[in-house]
Structure formats: structure tokens, C-alpha cells
Protein backbone atom coordinates (compact mmCIF):
# COMPACT_ATOMS: atom_id res chain seq x y z
CA MET A 1 -16.64 14.32 -37.70
CA SER A 2 -13.02 15.40 -37.17
CA LYS A 3 -10.39 12.94 -36.02
CA ARG A 4 -9.91 14.66 -32.63
CA PRO A 5 -13.49 14.03 -31.27
CA VAL A 6 -13.29 10.44 -32.51
CA LEU A 7 -9.96 10.01 -30.71
CA ILE A 8 -11.36 11.52 -27.51
CA LEU A 9 -14.42 9.26 -27.67
CA TRP A 10 -12.20 6.22 -28.25
CA MET A 11 -10.03 7.16 -25.25
CA LEU A 12 -13.09 7.59 -23.03
CA LEU A 13 -14.42 4.20 -24.07
CA LEU A 14 -11.01 2.63 -23.47
CA TRP A 15 -10.82 4.21 -19.99
CA ALA A 16 -14.32 2.95 -19.15
CA SER A 17 -13.42 -0.54 -20.32
CA PHE A 18 -10.20 -0.51 -18.30
CA SER A 19 -12.05 0.78 -15.27
CA VAL A 20 -14.45 -2.17 -15.41
CA VAL A 21 -11.50 -4.58 -15.52
CA ALA A 22 -9.85 -2.77 -12.62
CA GLN A 23 -12.98 -3.15 -10.50
CA ALA A 24 -12.73 -6.94 -10.93
CA HIS A 25 -16.42 -7.42 -11.75
CA ARG A 26 -17.60 -11.00 -11.45
CA PRO A 27 -20.15 -12.93 -13.54
CA ASP A 28 -23.80 -12.13 -12.83
CA ASP A 29 -24.44 -15.57 -11.36
CA PHE A 30 -21.30 -15.57 -9.17
CA HIS A 31 -23.21 -15.01 -5.92
CA LYS A 32 -25.63 -17.80 -6.76
CA ARG A 33 -22.74 -20.25 -6.97
CA TYR A 34 -20.45 -19.05 -4.17
CA THR A 35 -20.88 -17.97 -0.54
CA LEU A 36 -18.40 -15.69 1.23
CA LYS A 37 -17.08 -17.43 4.36
CA GLN A 38 -14.16 -15.34 5.60
CA VAL A 39 -12.17 -12.19 4.89
CA VAL A 40 -8.63 -11.34 6.02
CA VAL A 41 -7.49 -7.77 5.41
CA MET A 42 -3.90 -6.55 5.54
CA SER A 43 -4.19 -2.76 5.49
CA ARG A 44 -1.80 0.13 5.10
CA HIS A 45 -2.59 3.07 7.37
CA ASN A 46 -4.44 6.02 5.86
CA ILE A 47 -3.12 9.56 5.27
CA ARG A 48 -0.49 10.63 7.77
CA SER A 49 1.75 13.63 8.15
CA PRO A 50 5.32 13.18 6.86
CA LEU A 51 7.63 11.04 8.95
CA SER A 52 10.04 13.96 9.40
CA GLY A 53 9.11 17.28 10.97
CA ARG A 54 9.00 20.56 9.08
CA GLN A 55 12.42 21.64 10.39
CA SER A 56 14.15 18.47 9.19
CA ALA A 57 16.03 17.89 5.92
CA LEU A 58 12.71 18.34 4.13
CA GLN A 59 12.73 22.05 4.97
CA ARG A 60 16.32 22.49 3.87
CA ILE A 61 15.80 21.18 0.32
CA THR A 62 13.06 23.65 -0.64
CA PRO A 63 12.54 27.37 -0.08
CA HIS A 64 8.81 26.73 0.29
CA GLU A 65 6.77 26.12 3.42
CA TRP A 66 5.31 22.64 3.72
CA TYR A 67 1.65 22.05 4.50
CA HIS A 68 0.68 22.72 8.12
CA TRP A 69 -0.57 19.34 9.22
CA SER A 70 -3.39 18.58 11.65
CA SER A 71 -1.23 15.91 13.28
CA ALA A 72 2.28 15.48 14.65
CA PRO A 73 4.96 13.94 12.39
CA SER A 74 4.09 10.38 11.28
CA GLU A 75 0.62 10.43 12.87
CA LEU A 76 -2.74 9.92 11.14
CA SER A 77 -4.31 13.16 9.94
CA LEU A 78 -7.92 14.19 10.47
CA ARG A 79 -8.57 13.61 6.77
CA GLY A 80 -6.98 10.18 7.04
CA GLY A 81 -9.32 9.29 9.89
CA ALA A 82 -12.39 10.45 7.98
CA LEU A 83 -11.34 8.56 4.84
CA GLU A 84 -10.71 5.37 6.80
CA THR A 85 -14.15 5.63 8.41
CA MET A 86 -15.62 5.82 4.91
CA MET A 87 -13.69 2.71 3.92
CA GLY A 88 -15.01 0.90 6.99
CA GLN A 89 -18.54 1.90 6.05
CA TYR A 90 -18.01 0.50 2.55
CA PHE A 91 -16.78 -2.81 3.96
CA ARG A 92 -19.87 -2.92 6.20
CA LYS A 93 -22.15 -2.50 3.18
CA TRP A 94 -20.18 -5.08 1.20
CA LEU A 95 -20.07 -7.72 3.95
CA VAL A 96 -23.76 -7.23 4.76
CA SER A 97 -24.63 -7.67 1.07
CA GLU A 98 -22.61 -10.91 1.06
CA GLY A 99 -24.34 -12.20 4.18
CA LEU A 100 -21.15 -12.37 6.24
CA MET A 101 -22.45 -9.90 8.85
CA GLN A 102 -25.53 -7.94 9.86
CA GLU A 103 -26.01 -4.20 9.41
CA ASN A 104 -25.43 -3.27 13.05
CA GLU A 105 -23.61 -6.36 14.16
CA ILE A 106 -22.02 -6.85 17.54
CA PRO A 107 -19.63 -9.72 16.79
CA ALA A 108 -19.53 -12.82 18.93
CA GLU A 109 -16.35 -13.38 20.91
CA GLY A 110 -13.55 -14.37 18.52
CA ALA A 111 -15.57 -13.86 15.34
CA MET A 112 -13.66 -10.73 14.35
CA ARG A 113 -10.18 -9.46 15.13
CA PHE A 114 -8.67 -5.99 14.78
CA TYR A 115 -4.90 -6.04 15.30
CA ALA A 116 -2.57 -3.13 14.55
CA ASN A 117 1.09 -2.30 14.77
CA SER A 118 1.75 -0.17 17.85
CA LYS A 119 2.24 3.09 15.96
CA GLN A 120 -0.31 5.88 16.38
CA ARG A 121 -1.15 5.93 12.67
CA THR A 122 -1.87 2.21 12.51
CA ILE A 123 -3.84 1.99 15.75
CA ALA A 124 -5.87 5.04 14.75
CA THR A 125 -6.50 3.66 11.24
CA ALA A 126 -7.84 0.42 12.71
CA GLN A 127 -9.99 2.40 15.17
CA TYR A 128 -11.53 4.59 12.47
CA PHE A 129 -12.08 1.61 10.15
CA SER A 130 -13.80 -0.38 12.91
CA SER A 131 -16.01 2.62 13.74
CA GLY A 132 -17.23 2.72 10.16
CA MET A 133 -17.65 -1.04 9.84
CA LEU A 134 -19.08 -1.79 13.31
CA PRO A 135 -20.49 1.53 14.56
CA VAL A 136 -22.32 0.09 17.57
CA ALA A 137 -19.88 -2.64 18.60
CA ASN A 138 -17.27 -0.63 20.57
CA VAL A 139 -14.41 -2.62 19.04
CA ARG A 140 -11.15 -3.01 20.96
CA ILE A 141 -8.06 -2.52 18.80
CA GLU A 142 -5.43 -5.08 19.72
CA HIS A 143 -1.81 -3.93 19.84
CA HIS A 144 1.04 -5.53 21.73
CA CYS A 145 3.70 -2.89 22.38
CA GLU A 146 4.01 0.55 23.89
CA VAL A 147 2.51 3.14 21.55
CA GLY A 148 5.22 4.36 19.21
CA LYS A 149 7.16 1.08 19.20
CA MET A 150 7.26 -1.41 16.34
CA ASP A 151 5.50 -4.73 16.93
CA PRO A 152 7.78 -7.58 15.71
CA VAL A 153 4.88 -8.98 13.64
CA PHE A 154 4.72 -5.78 11.58
CA ASN A 155 8.39 -4.80 11.78
CA PRO A 156 9.98 -5.68 8.38
CA GLN A 157 13.38 -6.34 9.90
CA ILE A 158 16.28 -8.55 8.93
CA THR A 159 16.46 -11.58 11.20
CA ASP A 160 19.52 -13.32 9.74
CA ASP A 161 22.29 -11.29 8.13
CA ASN A 162 24.77 -14.07 7.38
CA GLU A 163 27.14 -13.43 4.48
CA ASP A 164 25.41 -15.83 2.08
CA PHE A 165 22.07 -14.11 2.61
CA LYS A 166 23.53 -10.63 2.21
CA ALA A 167 25.36 -11.59 -0.98
CA LEU A 168 22.21 -13.09 -2.51
CA ALA A 169 20.02 -10.18 -1.41
CA GLN A 170 22.43 -7.55 -2.75
CA GLN A 171 22.65 -9.47 -6.04
CA GLN A 172 18.84 -9.56 -6.36
CA ILE A 173 18.58 -5.86 -5.51
CA ALA A 174 21.27 -4.89 -8.00
CA ALA A 175 19.53 -6.93 -10.71
CA MET A 176 16.63 -4.46 -10.56
CA GLY A 177 18.94 -1.93 -12.20
CA GLY A 178 20.22 -4.23 -14.94
CA GLU A 179 23.92 -4.34 -15.81
CA LYS A 180 24.65 -1.11 -13.90
CA GLY A 181 23.08 -2.35 -10.66
CA MET A 182 22.18 0.37 -8.16
CA THR A 183 23.44 3.05 -10.53
CA GLY A 184 21.10 1.64 -13.15
CA ILE A 185 18.19 2.09 -10.75
CA GLY A 186 19.26 5.69 -10.20
CA GLU A 187 19.47 6.31 -13.92
CA LYS A 188 15.97 4.91 -14.38
CA MET A 189 14.78 7.67 -12.05
CA ALA A 190 16.84 10.51 -13.56
CA ASP A 191 13.80 12.22 -15.11
CA ASN A 192 11.77 11.67 -11.94
CA TYR A 193 14.53 13.35 -9.93
CA LYS A 194 14.66 16.33 -12.29
CA LEU A 195 10.90 16.84 -11.96
CA LEU A 196 11.10 16.59 -8.17
CA GLU A 197 13.95 19.11 -8.08
CA ARG A 198 11.89 21.52 -10.20
CA VAL A 199 8.80 21.21 -8.00
CA LEU A 200 10.88 21.72 -4.86
CA ASP A 201 12.75 24.64 -6.52
CA MET A 202 15.75 22.89 -5.04
CA GLU A 203 18.37 25.25 -6.51
CA GLN A 204 16.86 28.05 -4.40
CA SER A 205 16.85 25.97 -1.22
CA ARG A 206 18.97 26.51 1.85
CA ALA A 207 20.67 23.17 1.28
CA CYS A 208 21.82 24.29 -2.18
CA LEU A 209 22.78 27.84 -1.19
CA GLU A 210 24.86 26.50 1.70
CA GLY A 211 26.74 24.18 -0.66
CA ASP A 212 25.17 20.94 0.57
CA THR A 213 23.07 19.57 -2.28
CA CYS A 214 21.31 21.08 -5.28
CA HIS A 215 20.44 17.87 -7.11
CA PHE A 216 19.62 14.22 -6.47
CA ARG A 217 22.48 12.04 -7.65
CA THR A 218 21.81 8.84 -9.58
CA ASP A 219 25.02 7.02 -8.56
CA ASP A 220 25.26 7.15 -4.77
CA ALA A 221 22.45 4.87 -3.51
CA HIS A 222 23.47 1.90 -1.40
CA VAL A 223 21.54 -0.64 0.66
CA TYR A 224 22.60 -2.01 4.02
CA LEU A 225 21.22 -5.14 5.65
CA VAL A 226 21.72 -5.36 9.41
CA LYS A 227 20.26 -7.95 11.75
CA ASN A 228 17.28 -6.76 13.84
CA ARG A 229 16.87 -3.63 11.70
CA GLU A 230 14.79 -2.75 8.67
CA PRO A 231 16.65 -2.80 5.36
CA GLY A 232 18.16 0.66 5.03
CA MET A 233 19.42 2.94 2.31
CA GLY A 234 21.92 5.76 2.02
CA GLY A 235 22.37 8.31 -0.73
CA SER A 236 20.12 10.54 -2.80
CA MET A 237 17.35 7.96 -3.30
CA ARG A 238 16.54 8.05 0.41
CA LEU A 239 16.24 11.84 0.52
CA ALA A 240 14.30 11.90 -2.75
CA CYS A 241 11.87 9.33 -1.34
CA GLN A 242 11.31 11.44 1.78
CA ALA A 243 10.56 14.48 -0.37
CA ALA A 244 8.32 12.56 -2.79
CA ASP A 245 6.43 11.01 0.12
CA ALA A 246 5.84 14.42 1.71
CA LEU A 247 4.69 15.93 -1.60
CA VAL A 248 2.24 13.11 -2.33
CA LEU A 249 0.76 13.39 1.16
CA GLN A 250 0.54 17.16 0.72
CA TYR A 251 -1.31 16.60 -2.56
CA TYR A 252 -3.89 14.46 -0.77
CA GLU A 253 -4.41 17.03 1.99
CA GLU A 254 -4.20 20.38 0.18
CA PRO A 255 -7.36 21.13 -1.90
CA ASP A 256 -5.49 23.57 -4.17
CA GLU A 257 -3.49 21.42 -6.61
CA VAL A 258 -1.13 24.26 -7.55
CA LYS A 259 -0.48 25.13 -3.93
CA ALA A 260 0.15 21.45 -3.19
CA ALA A 261 2.92 21.55 -5.82
CA PHE A 262 4.51 24.74 -4.42
CA GLY A 263 3.03 26.92 -7.17
CA HIS A 264 3.70 24.53 -10.05
CA LYS A 265 0.94 23.20 -12.27
CA LEU A 266 1.42 19.44 -12.51
CA SER A 267 -0.36 16.86 -14.61
CA GLN A 268 -1.57 13.48 -13.39
CA GLU A 269 1.49 11.96 -15.10
CA ASP A 270 3.75 14.34 -13.18
CA TRP A 271 2.29 13.24 -9.86
CA GLU A 272 2.69 9.61 -10.90
CA SER A 273 6.33 10.30 -11.76
CA ILE A 274 6.96 11.84 -8.34
CA SER A 275 5.23 8.93 -6.62
CA GLU A 276 7.25 6.44 -8.68
CA ILE A 277 10.32 7.43 -6.68
CA LYS A 278 8.59 6.01 -3.59
CA ASP A 279 7.68 2.84 -5.47
CA TRP A 280 11.28 2.27 -6.50
CA TYR A 281 12.51 2.91 -2.97
CA GLY A 282 10.07 0.37 -1.53
CA ASP A 283 10.85 -2.20 -4.21
CA VAL A 284 14.59 -1.90 -3.66
CA LEU A 285 14.35 -2.31 0.10
CA PHE A 286 11.57 -4.85 0.54
CA THR A 287 10.78 -6.88 -2.59
CA ALA A 288 13.98 -8.73 -3.47
CA PRO A 289 12.88 -12.38 -2.96
CA ALA A 290 15.47 -13.19 -0.29
CA VAL A 291 14.64 -10.04 1.66
CA ALA A 292 10.86 -10.30 1.24
CA CYS A 293 10.66 -13.87 2.55
CA GLN A 294 12.63 -12.87 5.63
CA VAL A 295 11.04 -9.53 6.56
CA ALA A 296 7.46 -10.69 5.82
CA ASN A 297 7.77 -14.00 7.68
CA PRO A 298 6.12 -13.01 11.01
CA LEU A 299 3.21 -11.34 9.22
CA LEU A 300 2.75 -14.28 6.84
CA ARG A 301 2.54 -16.58 9.88
CA THR A 302 -0.10 -14.35 11.45
CA MET A 303 -2.13 -14.17 8.23
CA LEU A 304 -2.01 -17.96 7.85
CA GLU A 305 -3.13 -18.42 11.47
CA GLU A 306 -6.06 -16.08 10.85
CA LEU A 307 -7.08 -17.90 7.66
CA GLN A 308 -7.07 -21.20 9.55
CA CYS A 309 -8.71 -19.90 12.73
CA ASP A 310 -11.98 -21.73 13.45
CA GLY A 311 -14.87 -19.35 14.01
CA ARG A 312 -13.05 -16.31 12.65
CA LYS A 313 -14.97 -14.60 9.85
CA PHE A 314 -13.18 -11.25 9.61
CA THR A 315 -9.65 -10.08 10.43
CA PHE A 316 -8.23 -6.58 10.07
CA LEU A 317 -4.45 -6.26 10.35
CA CYS A 318 -3.04 -2.74 10.07
CA GLY A 319 0.54 -1.95 9.19
CA HIS A 320 2.50 -0.23 6.47
CA ASP A 321 3.26 -0.17 2.74
CA SER A 322 6.43 -2.17 3.45
CA ASN A 323 4.24 -4.93 4.92
CA ILE A 324 2.00 -5.21 1.86
CA GLY A 325 4.91 -4.92 -0.57
CA SER A 326 6.99 -7.59 1.13
CA VAL A 327 4.03 -9.96 1.65
CA LEU A 328 3.11 -9.81 -2.05
CA ALA A 329 6.73 -10.24 -3.11
CA ALA A 330 7.19 -13.19 -0.76
CA LEU A 331 4.03 -14.85 -2.09
CA ASP A 332 5.44 -14.36 -5.62
CA ALA A 333 2.73 -12.08 -6.94
CA GLU A 334 2.85 -11.05 -10.58
CA ASP A 335 4.00 -7.52 -11.23
CA TYR A 336 1.22 -4.94 -11.42
CA SER A 337 0.54 -1.24 -11.86
CA LEU A 338 -2.61 0.04 -10.19
CA PRO A 339 -5.14 2.20 -12.07
CA GLN A 340 -6.85 5.39 -10.90
CA THR A 341 -4.10 6.25 -8.41
CA ILE A 342 -0.79 8.09 -8.52
CA GLU A 343 0.65 5.42 -6.19
CA LYS A 344 0.98 2.36 -8.42
CA LYS A 345 2.01 -0.26 -5.84
CA THR A 346 0.67 0.33 -2.31
CA PRO A 347 -1.55 3.46 -2.21
CA ILE A 348 -2.21 5.16 1.09
CA GLY A 349 -4.92 3.29 2.99
CA CYS A 350 -4.85 0.33 0.58
CA LYS A 351 -5.87 -3.15 1.69
CA LEU A 352 -4.72 -6.56 0.59
CA VAL A 353 -7.99 -8.49 0.90
CA ILE A 354 -8.04 -12.28 0.97
CA GLU A 355 -11.55 -13.67 0.44
CA LYS A 356 -12.55 -17.25 1.24
CA TRP A 357 -15.45 -18.56 -0.86
CA GLU A 358 -17.35 -21.86 -0.81
CA ASP A 359 -19.40 -23.33 -3.65
CA ALA A 360 -22.54 -25.47 -3.46
CA GLU A 361 -20.46 -28.67 -3.42
CA GLY A 362 -18.47 -27.51 -0.41
CA GLN A 363 -15.29 -26.77 -2.36
CA VAL A 364 -13.35 -23.82 -0.97
CA PHE A 365 -11.62 -21.13 -3.01
CA ALA A 366 -9.72 -17.90 -2.42
CA ALA A 367 -9.36 -14.54 -4.12
CA LEU A 368 -6.75 -11.84 -3.54
CA ASN A 369 -7.47 -8.20 -4.32
CA LEU A 370 -6.01 -4.81 -3.54
CA VAL A 371 -8.80 -2.46 -2.46
CA TYR A 372 -8.05 1.26 -2.25
CA GLN A 373 -9.51 4.71 -2.64
CA SER A 374 -8.59 6.32 -5.94
CA THR A 375 -6.60 9.54 -5.93
CA GLU A 376 -9.78 11.39 -6.85
CA GLN A 377 -11.70 9.76 -3.99
CA LEU A 378 -8.93 10.66 -1.55
CA ARG A 379 -8.71 14.29 -2.64
CA ASN A 380 -12.48 14.79 -2.85
CA MET A 381 -13.29 12.71 0.24
CA THR A 382 -15.86 10.81 -1.81
CA LEU A 383 -18.43 8.85 0.17
CA LEU A 384 -18.21 5.14 -0.59
CA ASP A 385 -20.98 2.59 -0.96
CA LEU A 386 -21.87 -0.32 -3.24
CA GLU A 387 -22.78 2.08 -6.04
CA ASN A 388 -19.62 4.17 -5.56
CA PRO A 389 -17.03 1.63 -4.41
CA PRO A 390 -13.29 1.97 -3.96
CA VAL A 391 -11.09 0.48 -6.65
CA LYS A 392 -10.76 -3.31 -6.48
CA PHE A 393 -7.78 -4.75 -8.35
CA PRO A 394 -7.13 -8.53 -8.63
CA ILE A 395 -3.73 -9.86 -7.55
CA HIS A 396 -2.36 -12.88 -9.42
CA LEU A 397 0.19 -15.29 -7.98
CA LYS A 398 2.81 -16.87 -10.21
CA GLY A 399 2.47 -20.63 -10.54
CA LEU A 400 -1.14 -20.80 -9.31
CA THR A 401 -4.02 -21.33 -11.74
CA ALA A 402 -7.32 -19.61 -11.08
CA ASN A 403 -10.66 -20.98 -12.27
CA ASP A 404 -12.93 -19.20 -14.74
CA ASP A 405 -14.26 -17.03 -11.90
CA GLY A 406 -10.80 -15.84 -10.93
CA LEU A 407 -10.62 -17.95 -7.76
CA TYR A 408 -7.70 -20.07 -6.58
CA PRO A 409 -8.19 -23.44 -4.88
CA TYR A 410 -8.00 -22.57 -1.19
CA GLU A 411 -5.56 -25.36 -0.41
CA ALA A 412 -3.22 -24.15 -3.15
CA LEU A 413 -3.08 -20.73 -1.49
CA MET A 414 -2.51 -22.31 1.94
CA LYS A 415 0.32 -24.37 0.44
CA ARG A 416 1.89 -21.21 -0.99
CA PHE A 417 1.78 -19.61 2.49
CA VAL A 418 3.35 -22.67 4.13
CA GLU A 419 6.08 -23.01 1.51
CA THR A 420 6.92 -19.30 1.69
CA ILE A 421 7.11 -19.34 5.49
CA ALA A 422 9.40 -22.38 5.32
CA LYS A 423 11.93 -20.44 3.23
CA GLN A 424 12.90 -18.44 6.31
């Protein structure tokens, strides 16, 4: 046998082994020793149209026409709604198999809660998910503000911009780029920028021809922290993130991969490289420890209240990637890179799932996982069930020790929540 077939076989076996790890399979006797008591889900909305309209800066930086979306800017797409319904159906199958609910359950008052930020894409995501999970229950989606406004619980805004905080936050952000600070971050993305420019055919764009911009600079990004506003960014990184975000969403929606890339043939690694720009942008704005503890504080309080709510067995909170990123950073999660997706941190529609388990002796434990549809499942609109599940990836918290089954003592997790909230 030649070396090449052996190498291919070895790679396939390695991928299969990695896939099993990524799915966080548990020992065969796990369900004989533990009973699922409660689940709290913090979800990102599913596929939406780009935040900016087609005649915005996005149109100026490419000569190509963007995908014609089924929804208005920033709103959930039809595909996003269908995919979220599938995810709700999977959760129904999973929770029924665990004995936490019945197949066609109509929950008792207070047993389940569906609470979304007051944006169309988050309310709609929660509605579609609940339709898949509880198809006969006619669930009411709770939201507290006028549609289109940000609910303070989900709004990752700065609440105290005193000089000491800003100095510490800017120092932590700059450290992400090493000795060169923000410029170092830009230089880390130099190859990503070049690929994005090539896919956009940026040198042929109106912005370039009119003398505005032909390239993404690596040395002009800056972060501003203003009270009662989200952390913000100026410079090329912001525009590059907008373009990368729109391209990734276009890739999910457009069946023709070449058409999705404006006529370019891209590899999986290329799409990951484009998406990495978004990951860096989110990390810079929302995951510095000082920033994360502040912007995630209202949501952490809500999650803790849900985990301690008597009679509550399921909670679905729906917000944004910034919510999941800042919550995980505030809780001091170990760094991770997600498999089977081009979005390595907070894929579209992903869910941070906190599971509460009890053993035969009455001891209570907790597990944290990110659950998400793989890129292939998103593009192919794959039906989900227990035999064809979404990806389930375990999240580990620094300083907490899990048992042999991968579960944390429940009180240790509650203590982490309380201590993190107190940092505000």
C-alpha cells in the first residue's frame, strides 16, 4: 500500500476520534448514576441578515452584489428560523430521553421560561426554538423593551468608565497583541485581511476607485470605552469585521459555495480565516477580564437567579455572541477552539448549556457545554435528532476541578457565579 492511502486513512481515523471527543460522550453507565434536574440555556440568535444594509459601507468595499436576503437588515432569516426550529426539536428529543419533560408537554406555570433580548432576531429565535421544543404549548416569549431596543440584561454596555477601569481594560486589551499592543493584533490578522481583500476584490471596489480605501490597515484599530455604551472600535478592524460577518452569513445562506465567495473557490481553512477576523474583534471588545465582568454582570445575575429558581426546570435566554463571549470570559473559561465549524468561538445559533445533575446520594453537579450546529449542518439544513445531534463541546473553567464524569460540584459553580458578580 502506498503512503498516501495510509496517510488518508490515518487522518480519517484521527478526525473520527476527535469528533467523538467533541461530542462529549459520557460513560455508558452515566445515566444510571445521574438524573438531569435542570437546564439553563444562553443562546445566540440564529442566521440573520447583515447588520448593515446593502447600500452601506459593505457595498462600497466590493464591486460585487451581496446576497439578496429574505429579511431586513439585522433580522432573522427564513433559513435561520427553520434551523432554530430543528434545534428546538433536538432539545425536545434530548430532554424527553433524560426524563426532564414529556414528548408533547404543556409546562406548568413557572416550570419553563423563554426570555429574549428585545431585538427581532432574538425574539424570533426564541419563538422558533420554542415551537420546535414545545410544539403544542403556545409558549409566550418574554421580552421587556420595545422591539428593536436593547434590554439592559442583554446589553453588553460599560456601566462604570472611571479612569482606573479604563486604564486596566486598555492594558488587558493591548496585551492580546503582545509587545506591539493593538498593532500586534492587527499584524496577527495581516494574512486574514489579505484573503478578505482578495475575496471582496477590494481593489476594484468603489471605495478604492474613489480614493477611500483599498486595503485593511493593521495599525489603526483603537478601542473606546464609554459609560452606558457597548465597547466600541474604530479603524480597519471594525470594517473588516463587518465584511467578514456578512460573508460568513452569505456562506450559510447561499447554496453555491463559489457564488457565496463572489466567484472565488475557497477552502474550509479560508472560511475559517475569514471568520477568525470576527473572533478577534469579539475577543478584543468583550473578553478582557475587566470588561467581561462589567458587561456580563446583568446576564450573570439573571442566569444565577434561574439556576436557583425553585420549580424551574428549563430556561432559554436568547441574546448575542457578545453575551456568550463575555459570560465565558467573566467566568474564567479556558481558551477553546470549536471543531466542525468555521466560527471557532460563538457560532451562529450556538448555546451555552448549563446542566444540573443529581446522583443517587443526592449530591448535585453541573456541566457546561457549547451546543451548536456544525457548518455542514447549517449549510445543508440537516435534520437533528439523537442519532444526528448538533455538536456538543465541553467548556472547562479555570480553577475548578471536575470529577471523572466531567461534572463540577454544583456549589463550586454557584460560588464562581457569585464571586464573578461581586467583581462589578
